[in-house]
Amino acid sequence: MKTAQSDPAEAAGRTSEGPRSLTRILALFDLLARCKRHMSLSELSIAIDCPKSSLLVLLRPLTEKGYLMREEDNYFLGPRIFQFAQSILTNHPFESVLRGVMNDVVNQTGETILFAVRDGEKVIYSSVIESPQPVRYVAQQGINRPLFCSASGLVMLAFDTQQELDDYFRRTELKPLTPNSITDENELRGLISEIRKTGYSSTAGTAHVDAAGFGVPVFRADGHLAGALVIGAPLERAKRNKKRYVAAAKTAAEQLSRALGYRSEVGETGRH
């Protein structure tokens, strides 16, 4: 009696199929999480670049286990995946995710990273990880800054309603912190309008004479601001590396927004 043995090539194929199937399942969940409508088998096949026959092999057990639901030929997320997501959010609070993402940005850029939240007319740095470099932007956790002259504060103002913005300028004394602080209301309104278009703020010497900041918004699931992520750096380094720093900040902010449940429309870049 012969013992069945696997052909080496066949075994190798099965080994590579495992990770590919896992990648497709993750892509499937990500796609359906970002989409606000049900998707057909054909649409899913095209979107994740997977043949229908192979995709059906993945969809059947996911549907049977309740991770996906099916109505006619359309698929959407099922109750089990929401239970799974809730367990993650319960056992892994946002602060741990935030610190992990901030550490990644420090490693990528070598600069100080801050997360700021709004407190009335000011922003407070609720989390800070400083650059390891000898010459760096230094900030203390818990310190506050006026909205109009800080990178994080300008992000907050950029996502105010028109009425909220008008009220802010009516009641706020635009007292400069440095000779570079912008205190002209019209100029500030222009900057705020530009932030809405580009998705980031940029300051140079407005809160500290020798420091620059790049701020990006982080959104909650309901689309409202959770806070602002900021890269702080010495002026010269910030000027040389602006494009790279802004890109790193935006990518990190998108990760944090997604961790909070924020989703943009499929095919859109979101509010960033």
C-alpha atoms as a PDB file:
ATOM      1  CA  MET A   1       0.000   0.000   0.000  1.00  0.00           C
ATOM      2  CA  LYS A   2       1.462   3.297  -1.051  1.00  0.00           C
ATOM      3  CA  THR A   3       1.523   6.325   1.217  1.00  0.00           C
ATOM      4  CA  ALA A   4       0.226   9.470  -0.448  1.00  0.00           C
ATOM      5  CA  GLN A   5       2.836  12.201  -0.611  1.00  0.00           C
ATOM      6  CA  SER A   6       2.362  15.825  -1.584  1.00  0.00           C
ATOM      7  CA  ASP A   7       4.024  17.039  -4.705  1.00  0.00           C
ATOM      8  CA  PRO A   8       6.526  19.807  -3.736  1.00  0.00           C
ATOM      9  CA  ALA A   9       5.119  22.225  -6.320  1.00  0.00           C
ATOM     10  CA  GLU A  10       1.570  21.565  -5.135  1.00  0.00           C
ATOM     11  CA  ALA A  11       2.588  22.105  -1.500  1.00  0.00           C
ATOM     12  CA  ALA A  12       4.297  25.371  -2.396  1.00  0.00           C
ATOM     13  CA  GLY A  13       1.157  26.507  -4.169  1.00  0.00           C
ATOM     14  CA  ARG A  14      -0.949  25.818  -1.086  1.00  0.00           C
ATOM     15  CA  THR A  15       1.525  27.706   1.094  1.00  0.00           C
ATOM     16  CA  SER A  16       1.345  30.823  -1.049  1.00  0.00           C
ATOM     17  CA  GLU A  17      -2.451  30.524  -1.367  1.00  0.00           C
ATOM     18  CA  GLY A  18      -2.893  30.889   2.393  1.00  0.00           C
ATOM     19  CA  PRO A  19      -1.446  34.403   2.717  1.00  0.00           C
ATOM     20  CA  ARG A  20      -3.147  35.460  -0.532  1.00  0.00           C
ATOM     21  CA  SER A  21      -6.541  34.327   0.771  1.00  0.00           C
ATOM     22  CA  LEU A  22      -5.938  36.184   4.029  1.00  0.00           C
ATOM     23  CA  THR A  23      -4.989  39.340   2.139  1.00  0.00           C
ATOM     24  CA  ARG A  24      -8.172  39.082   0.074  1.00  0.00           C
ATOM     25  CA  ILE A  25     -10.339  38.619   3.180  1.00  0.00           C
ATOM     26  CA  LEU A  26      -8.815  41.717   4.792  1.00  0.00           C
ATOM     27  CA  ALA A  27      -9.294  43.679   1.565  1.00  0.00           C
ATOM     28  CA  LEU A  28     -12.905  42.497   1.471  1.00  0.00           C
ATOM     29  CA  PHE A  29     -13.615  43.675   5.018  1.00  0.00           C
ATOM     30  CA  ASP A  30     -11.883  47.003   4.390  1.00  0.00           C
ATOM     31  CA  LEU A  31     -13.857  47.591   1.210  1.00  0.00           C
ATOM     32  CA  LEU A  32     -17.246  46.801   2.744  1.00  0.00           C
ATOM     33  CA  ALA A  33     -16.432  48.884   5.835  1.00  0.00           C
ATOM     34  CA  ARG A  34     -15.780  51.939   3.687  1.00  0.00           C
ATOM     35  CA  CYS A  35     -18.742  51.393   1.396  1.00  0.00           C
ATOM     36  CA  LYS A  36     -22.169  52.683   2.473  1.00  0.00           C
ATOM     37  CA  ARG A  37     -24.094  50.286   0.252  1.00  0.00           C
ATOM     38  CA  HIS A  38     -24.276  46.572  -0.446  1.00  0.00           C
ATOM     39  CA  MET A  39     -21.951  45.243  -3.147  1.00  0.00           C
ATOM     40  CA  SER A  40     -22.509  42.492  -5.686  1.00  0.00           C
ATOM     41  CA  LEU A  41     -20.222  39.552  -6.338  1.00  0.00           C
ATOM     42  CA  SER A  42     -19.092  41.161  -9.603  1.00  0.00           C
ATOM     43  CA  GLU A  43     -18.296  44.468  -7.911  1.00  0.00           C
ATOM     44  CA  LEU A  44     -16.322  42.769  -5.154  1.00  0.00           C
ATOM     45  CA  SER A  45     -14.437  40.646  -7.668  1.00  0.00           C
ATOM     46  CA  ILE A  46     -13.320  43.714  -9.613  1.00  0.00           C
ATOM     47  CA  ALA A  47     -12.578  45.827  -6.541  1.00  0.00           C
ATOM     48  CA  ILE A  48     -10.213  43.355  -4.867  1.00  0.00           C
ATOM     49  CA  ASP A  49      -8.943  41.817  -8.127  1.00  0.00           C
ATOM     50  CA  CYS A  50     -10.106  38.295  -7.357  1.00  0.00           C
ATOM     51  CA  PRO A  51     -11.805  35.838  -9.748  1.00  0.00           C
ATOM     52  CA  LYS A  52     -15.453  35.157  -8.900  1.00  0.00           C
ATOM     53  CA  SER A  53     -14.831  31.445  -8.399  1.00  0.00           C
ATOM     54  CA  SER A  54     -12.045  32.105  -5.872  1.00  0.00           C
ATOM     55  CA  LEU A  55     -14.038  34.856  -4.204  1.00  0.00           C
ATOM     56  CA  LEU A  56     -17.022  32.582  -3.656  1.00  0.00           C
ATOM     57  CA  VAL A  57     -14.784  30.141  -1.800  1.00  0.00           C
ATOM     58  CA  LEU A  58     -14.009  32.978   0.662  1.00  0.00           C
ATOM     59  CA  LEU A  59     -17.516  34.418   0.847  1.00  0.00           C
ATOM     60  CA  ARG A  60     -19.354  31.202   1.724  1.00  0.00           C
ATOM     61  CA  PRO A  61     -17.729  30.509   5.141  1.00  0.00           C
ATOM     62  CA  LEU A  62     -17.726  34.223   6.043  1.00  0.00           C
ATOM     63  CA  THR A  63     -21.452  34.352   5.331  1.00  0.00           C
ATOM     64  CA  GLU A  64     -22.152  31.105   7.194  1.00  0.00           C
ATOM     65  CA  LYS A  65     -20.327  32.386  10.288  1.00  0.00           C
ATOM     66  CA  GLY A  66     -22.147  35.734  10.221  1.00  0.00           C
ATOM     67  CA  TYR A  67     -19.145  37.903   9.363  1.00  0.00           C
ATOM     68  CA  LEU A  68     -20.928  38.827   6.135  1.00  0.00           C
ATOM     69  CA  MET A  69     -24.597  38.929   5.157  1.00  0.00           C
ATOM     70  CA  ARG A  70     -26.079  38.223   1.750  1.00  0.00           C
ATOM     71  CA  GLU A  71     -29.258  39.498   0.167  1.00  0.00           C
ATOM     72  CA  GLU A  72     -29.790  38.040  -3.299  1.00  0.00           C
ATOM     73  CA  ASP A  73     -26.398  38.647  -4.947  1.00  0.00           C
ATOM     74  CA  ASN A  74     -25.351  41.525  -2.697  1.00  0.00           C
ATOM     75  CA  TYR A  75     -23.028  41.321   0.298  1.00  0.00           C
ATOM     76  CA  PHE A  76     -22.564  43.520   3.367  1.00  0.00           C
ATOM     77  CA  LEU A  77     -20.983  43.294   6.831  1.00  0.00           C
ATOM     78  CA  GLY A  78     -22.647  40.923   9.280  1.00  0.00           C
ATOM     79  CA  PRO A  79     -23.150  41.064  13.072  1.00  0.00           C
ATOM     80  CA  ARG A  80     -20.105  38.923  13.917  1.00  0.00           C
ATOM     81  CA  ILE A  81     -17.662  41.429  12.400  1.00  0.00           C
ATOM     82  CA  PHE A  82     -19.226  44.254  14.443  1.00  0.00           C
ATOM     83  CA  GLN A  83     -18.887  42.175  17.602  1.00  0.00           C
ATOM     84  CA  PHE A  84     -15.267  41.542  16.664  1.00  0.00           C
ATOM     85  CA  ALA A  85     -14.631  45.248  16.108  1.00  0.00           C
ATOM     86  CA  GLN A  86     -16.302  46.183  19.394  1.00  0.00           C
ATOM     87  CA  SER A  87     -14.120  43.729  21.299  1.00  0.00           C
ATOM     88  CA  ILE A  88     -11.023  45.341  19.838  1.00  0.00           C
ATOM     89  CA  LEU A  89     -12.194  48.848  20.718  1.00  0.00           C
ATOM     90  CA  THR A  90     -13.127  47.781  24.255  1.00  0.00           C
ATOM     91  CA  ASN A  91      -9.845  46.044  25.031  1.00  0.00           C
ATOM     92  CA  HIS A  92      -7.515  48.369  23.128  1.00  0.00           C
ATOM     93  CA  PRO A  93      -8.393  52.000  23.933  1.00  0.00           C
ATOM     94  CA  PHE A  94      -7.588  54.829  21.528  1.00  0.00           C
ATOM     95  CA  GLU A  95      -4.690  56.094  23.625  1.00  0.00           C
ATOM     96  CA  SER A  96      -2.666  52.944  22.981  1.00  0.00           C
ATOM     97  CA  VAL A  97      -3.343  53.217  19.240  1.00  0.00           C
ATOM     98  CA  LEU A  98      -2.463  56.907  19.336  1.00  0.00           C
ATOM     99  CA  ARG A  99       0.888  56.347  21.017  1.00  0.00           C
ATOM    100  CA  GLY A 100       1.766  53.584  18.571  1.00  0.00           C
ATOM    101  CA  VAL A 101       0.995  55.739  15.542  1.00  0.00           C
ATOM    102  CA  MET A 102       2.837  58.716  17.037  1.00  0.00           C
ATOM    103  CA  ASN A 103       5.908  56.575  17.669  1.00  0.00           C
ATOM    104  CA  ASP A 104       5.840  55.476  14.029  1.00  0.00           C
ATOM    105  CA  VAL A 105       5.833  59.118  12.889  1.00  0.00           C
ATOM    106  CA  VAL A 106       8.729  59.969  15.199  1.00  0.00           C
ATOM    107  CA  ASN A 107      10.693  57.076  13.670  1.00  0.00           C
ATOM    108  CA  GLN A 108       9.824  58.192  10.131  1.00  0.00           C
ATOM    109  CA  THR A 109      10.547  61.903  10.545  1.00  0.00           C
ATOM    110  CA  GLY A 110      12.846  62.201  13.556  1.00  0.00           C
ATOM    111  CA  GLU A 111      10.700  65.079  14.811  1.00  0.00           C
ATOM    112  CA  THR A 112       8.469  65.775  17.819  1.00  0.00           C
ATOM    113  CA  ILE A 113       4.850  64.627  17.484  1.00  0.00           C
ATOM    114  CA  LEU A 114       1.884  66.037  19.406  1.00  0.00           C
ATOM    115  CA  PHE A 115      -1.814  65.289  19.639  1.00  0.00           C
ATOM    116  CA  ALA A 116      -3.936  68.306  20.541  1.00  0.00           C
ATOM    117  CA  VAL A 117      -7.554  68.622  21.635  1.00  0.00           C
ATOM    118  CA  ARG A 118      -9.677  71.734  21.847  1.00  0.00           C
ATOM    119  CA  ASP A 119     -10.523  73.365  25.151  1.00  0.00           C
ATOM    120  CA  GLY A 120     -12.662  76.414  24.432  1.00  0.00           C
ATOM    121  CA  GLU A 121     -10.504  79.145  22.940  1.00  0.00           C
ATOM    122  CA  LYS A 122      -7.295  77.134  23.269  1.00  0.00           C
ATOM    123  CA  VAL A 123      -5.774  73.797  22.337  1.00  0.00           C
ATOM    124  CA  ILE A 124      -4.180  71.452  24.851  1.00  0.00           C
ATOM    125  CA  TYR A 125      -1.382  69.023  23.987  1.00  0.00           C
ATOM    126  CA  SER A 126      -2.832  65.825  25.436  1.00  0.00           C
ATOM    127  CA  SER A 127      -0.028  63.576  24.184  1.00  0.00           C
ATOM    128  CA  VAL A 128       3.583  64.379  23.255  1.00  0.00           C
ATOM    129  CA  ILE A 129       6.495  62.286  22.005  1.00  0.00           C
ATOM    130  CA  GLU A 130       9.666  64.315  21.568  1.00  0.00           C
ATOM    131  CA  SER A 131      12.244  63.958  18.833  1.00  0.00           C
ATOM    132  CA  PRO A 132      15.403  62.034  19.796  1.00  0.00           C
ATOM    133  CA  GLN A 133      17.552  64.675  18.078  1.00  0.00           C
ATOM    134  CA  PRO A 134      19.616  67.113  20.195  1.00  0.00           C
ATOM    135  CA  VAL A 135      18.052  70.125  18.449  1.00  0.00           C
ATOM    136  CA  ARG A 136      14.313  69.592  18.506  1.00  0.00           C
ATOM    137  CA  TYR A 137      10.913  71.091  19.162  1.00  0.00           C
ATOM    138  CA  VAL A 138      10.167  70.786  22.890  1.00  0.00           C
ATOM    139  CA  ALA A 139       6.626  70.749  24.244  1.00  0.00           C
ATOM    140  CA  GLN A 140       5.117  69.571  27.510  1.00  0.00           C
ATOM    141  CA  GLN A 141       2.006  67.442  27.779  1.00  0.00           C
ATOM    142  CA  GLY A 142      -0.853  69.536  29.161  1.00  0.00           C
ATOM    143  CA  ILE A 143       0.426  72.878  27.878  1.00  0.00           C
ATOM    144  CA  ASN A 144      -2.077  75.058  25.989  1.00  0.00           C
ATOM    145  CA  ARG A 145      -1.851  77.437  23.039  1.00  0.00           C
ATOM    146  CA  PRO A 146      -4.247  79.985  21.465  1.00  0.00           C
ATOM    147  CA  LEU A 147      -6.159  78.676  18.470  1.00  0.00           C
ATOM    148  CA  PHE A 148      -5.184  81.405  16.014  1.00  0.00           C
ATOM    149  CA  CYS A 149      -1.388  81.068  16.208  1.00  0.00           C
ATOM    150  CA  SER A 150      -0.814  77.314  16.547  1.00  0.00           C
ATOM    151  CA  ALA A 151      -0.870  74.639  13.851  1.00  0.00           C
ATOM    152  CA  SER A 152      -3.327  72.508  15.819  1.00  0.00           C
ATOM    153  CA  GLY A 153      -5.519  75.490  16.699  1.00  0.00           C
ATOM    154  CA  LEU A 154      -5.844  76.556  13.074  1.00  0.00           C
ATOM    155  CA  VAL A 155      -6.984  73.025  12.219  1.00  0.00           C
ATOM    156  CA  MET A 156      -9.711  73.346  14.854  1.00  0.00           C
ATOM    157  CA  LEU A 157     -10.855  76.677  13.431  1.00  0.00           C
ATOM    158  CA  ALA A 158     -10.843  75.300   9.887  1.00  0.00           C
ATOM    159  CA  PHE A 159     -13.583  72.826  10.808  1.00  0.00           C
ATOM    160  CA  ASP A 160     -15.766  75.278  12.696  1.00  0.00           C
ATOM    161  CA  THR A 161     -19.027  76.345  11.110  1.00  0.00           C
ATOM    162  CA  GLN A 162     -19.136  79.864   9.670  1.00  0.00           C
ATOM    163  CA  GLN A 163     -21.170  81.044  12.658  1.00  0.00           C
ATOM    164  CA  GLU A 164     -18.734  79.489  15.134  1.00  0.00           C
ATOM    165  CA  LEU A 165     -15.824  81.127  13.335  1.00  0.00           C
ATOM    166  CA  ASP A 166     -17.515  84.534  13.335  1.00  0.00           C
ATOM    167  CA  ASP A 167     -18.257  84.202  17.050  1.00  0.00           C
ATOM    168  CA  TYR A 168     -14.643  83.224  17.748  1.00  0.00           C
ATOM    169  CA  PHE A 169     -13.209  86.316  16.064  1.00  0.00           C
ATOM    170  CA  ARG A 170     -15.793  88.571  17.676  1.00  0.00           C
ATOM    171  CA  ARG A 171     -14.876  87.546  21.212  1.00  0.00           C
ATOM    172  CA  THR A 172     -11.142  86.805  20.854  1.00  0.00           C
ATOM    173  CA  GLU A 173      -8.297  89.253  21.342  1.00  0.00           C
ATOM    174  CA  LEU A 174      -5.657  88.298  18.765  1.00  0.00           C
ATOM    175  CA  LYS A 175      -2.673  88.953  20.998  1.00  0.00           C
ATOM    176  CA  PRO A 176       0.643  87.874  19.367  1.00  0.00           C
ATOM    177  CA  LEU A 177       2.923  85.348  21.027  1.00  0.00           C
ATOM    178  CA  THR A 178       5.875  86.215  18.763  1.00  0.00           C
ATOM    179  CA  PRO A 179       6.671  88.937  16.206  1.00  0.00           C
ATOM    180  CA  ASN A 180       5.620  86.401  13.543  1.00  0.00           C
ATOM    181  CA  SER A 181       2.159  85.738  14.976  1.00  0.00           C
ATOM    182  CA  ILE A 182      -0.568  86.618  12.487  1.00  0.00           C
ATOM    183  CA  THR A 183      -3.157  88.873  14.124  1.00  0.00           C
ATOM    184  CA  ASP A 184      -5.003  90.218  11.083  1.00  0.00           C
ATOM    185  CA  GLU A 185      -8.469  88.642  10.974  1.00  0.00           C
ATOM    186  CA  ASN A 186      -8.753  88.691   7.186  1.00  0.00           C
ATOM    187  CA  GLU A 187      -5.360  87.037   6.781  1.00  0.00           C
ATOM    188  CA  LEU A 188      -6.286  84.383   9.327  1.00  0.00           C
ATOM    189  CA  ARG A 189      -9.590  83.713   7.551  1.00  0.00           C
ATOM    190  CA  GLY A 190      -7.626  83.227   4.345  1.00  0.00           C
ATOM    191  CA  LEU A 191      -5.323  80.710   6.047  1.00  0.00           C
ATOM    192  CA  ILE A 192      -8.293  78.856   7.505  1.00  0.00           C
ATOM    193  CA  SER A 193      -9.947  78.650   4.097  1.00  0.00           C
ATOM    194  CA  GLU A 194      -6.729  77.224   2.621  1.00  0.00           C
ATOM    195  CA  ILE A 195      -6.523  74.585   5.363  1.00  0.00           C
ATOM    196  CA  ARG A 196     -10.003  73.372   4.431  1.00  0.00           C
ATOM    197  CA  LYS A 197      -8.792  72.881   0.854  1.00  0.00           C
ATOM    198  CA  THR A 198      -5.384  71.297   1.517  1.00  0.00           C
ATOM    199  CA  GLY A 199      -6.229  69.319   4.666  1.00  0.00           C
ATOM    200  CA  TYR A 200      -3.308  70.617   6.716  1.00  0.00           C
ATOM    201  CA  SER A 201      -2.055  73.731   8.504  1.00  0.00           C
ATOM    202  CA  SER A 202       1.459  75.121   8.450  1.00  0.00           C
ATOM    203  CA  THR A 203       2.944  77.631  10.878  1.00  0.00           C
ATOM    204  CA  ALA A 204       6.438  79.119  11.079  1.00  0.00           C
ATOM    205  CA  GLY A 205       7.545  81.053  14.131  1.00  0.00           C
ATOM    206  CA  THR A 206       4.004  82.052  15.134  1.00  0.00           C
ATOM    207  CA  ALA A 207       3.951  80.327  18.551  1.00  0.00           C
ATOM    208  CA  HIS A 208       7.731  79.877  18.959  1.00  0.00           C
ATOM    209  CA  VAL A 209      10.139  82.090  17.025  1.00  0.00           C
ATOM    210  CA  ASP A 210      12.438  79.238  16.015  1.00  0.00           C
ATOM    211  CA  ALA A 211       9.878  76.460  15.468  1.00  0.00           C
ATOM    212  CA  ALA A 212       7.436  75.348  12.793  1.00  0.00           C
ATOM    213  CA  GLY A 213       4.402  73.089  12.931  1.00  0.00           C
ATOM    214  CA  PHE A 214       2.322  71.014  10.516  1.00  0.00           C
ATOM    215  CA  GLY A 215      -1.157  70.099  11.749  1.00  0.00           C
ATOM    216  CA  VAL A 216      -3.701  67.650  10.330  1.00  0.00           C
ATOM    217  CA  PRO A 217      -7.242  66.778  11.484  1.00  0.00           C
ATOM    218  CA  VAL A 218      -8.263  63.520  13.128  1.00  0.00           C
ATOM    219  CA  PHE A 219     -11.974  62.670  12.841  1.00  0.00           C
ATOM    220  CA  ARG A 220     -14.374  60.684  14.978  1.00  0.00           C
ATOM    221  CA  ALA A 221     -16.877  58.212  13.530  1.00  0.00           C
ATOM    222  CA  ASP A 222     -19.531  60.956  13.289  1.00  0.00           C
ATOM    223  CA  GLY A 223     -17.256  63.119  11.126  1.00  0.00           C
ATOM    224  CA  HIS A 224     -16.532  65.685  13.837  1.00  0.00           C
ATOM    225  CA  LEU A 225     -13.010  66.534  14.940  1.00  0.00           C
ATOM    226  CA  ALA A 226     -11.404  64.366  17.608  1.00  0.00           C
ATOM    227  CA  GLY A 227      -8.273  66.500  17.620  1.00  0.00           C
ATOM    228  CA  ALA A 228      -5.241  67.420  15.563  1.00  0.00           C
ATOM    229  CA  LEU A 229      -1.974  65.601  15.006  1.00  0.00           C
ATOM    230  CA  VAL A 230       1.033  67.940  14.791  1.00  0.00           C
ATOM    231  CA  ILE A 231       4.643  67.555  13.733  1.00  0.00           C
ATOM    232  CA  GLY A 232       6.796  70.186  15.429  1.00  0.00           C
ATOM    233  CA  ALA A 233      10.318  70.906  14.160  1.00  0.00           C
ATOM    234  CA  PRO A 234      13.073  73.539  14.099  1.00  0.00           C
ATOM    235  CA  LEU A 235      12.428  76.050  11.311  1.00  0.00           C
ATOM    236  CA  GLU A 236      15.212  75.042   8.937  1.00  0.00           C
ATOM    237  CA  ARG A 237      14.491  71.315   9.099  1.00  0.00           C
ATOM    238  CA  ALA A 238      10.794  72.007   8.660  1.00  0.00           C
ATOM    239  CA  LYS A 239      11.424  74.065   5.519  1.00  0.00           C
ATOM    240  CA  ARG A 240      13.661  71.396   3.971  1.00  0.00           C
ATOM    241  CA  ASN A 241      11.311  68.512   4.737  1.00  0.00           C
ATOM    242  CA  LYS A 242       7.859  70.094   4.510  1.00  0.00           C
ATOM    243  CA  LYS A 243       6.476  67.771   1.823  1.00  0.00           C
ATOM    244  CA  ARG A 244       7.652  64.627   3.618  1.00  0.00           C
ATOM    245  CA  TYR A 245       6.435  65.781   7.024  1.00  0.00           C
ATOM    246  CA  VAL A 246       2.979  66.727   5.748  1.00  0.00           C
ATOM    247  CA  ALA A 247       2.628  63.375   3.965  1.00  0.00           C
ATOM    248  CA  ALA A 248       3.642  61.482   7.123  1.00  0.00           C
ATOM    249  CA  ALA A 249       1.232  63.487   9.266  1.00  0.00           C
ATOM    250  CA  LYS A 250      -1.674  62.936   6.875  1.00  0.00           C
ATOM    251  CA  THR A 251      -1.076  59.193   6.681  1.00  0.00           C
ATOM    252  CA  ALA A 252      -0.930  58.934  10.466  1.00  0.00           C
ATOM    253  CA  ALA A 253      -4.070  61.053  10.905  1.00  0.00           C
ATOM    254  CA  GLU A 254      -5.949  58.812   8.487  1.00  0.00           C
ATOM    255  CA  GLN A 255      -4.918  55.763  10.536  1.00  0.00           C
ATOM    256  CA  LEU A 256      -6.138  57.397  13.737  1.00  0.00           C
ATOM    257  CA  SER A 257      -9.415  58.507  12.161  1.00  0.00           C
ATOM    258  CA  ARG A 258     -10.058  54.970  10.948  1.00  0.00           C
ATOM    259  CA  ALA A 259      -9.270  53.633  14.426  1.00  0.00           C
ATOM    260  CA  LEU A 260     -12.017  55.924  15.739  1.00  0.00           C
ATOM    261  CA  GLY A 261     -14.476  54.578  13.175  1.00  0.00           C
ATOM    262  CA  TYR A 262     -14.338  57.404  10.640  1.00  0.00           C
ATOM    263  CA  ARG A 263     -14.926  56.291   7.059  1.00  0.00           C
ATOM    264  CA  SER A 264     -14.919  58.331   3.869  1.00  0.00           C
ATOM    265  CA  GLU A 265     -16.787  57.355   0.725  1.00  0.00           C
ATOM    266  CA  VAL A 266     -15.183  54.665  -1.438  1.00  0.00           C
ATOM    267  CA  GLY A 267     -13.138  56.366  -4.127  1.00  0.00           C
ATOM    268  CA  GLU A 268     -12.757  59.566  -2.102  1.00  0.00           C
ATOM    269  CA  THR A 269      -9.798  60.692  -0.043  1.00  0.00           C
ATOM    270  CA  GLY A 270     -12.032  61.910   2.738  1.00  0.00           C
ATOM    271  CA  ARG A 271     -11.886  65.242   4.507  1.00  0.00           C
ATOM    272  CA  HIS A 272      -8.119  65.173   4.678  1.00  0.00           C
END
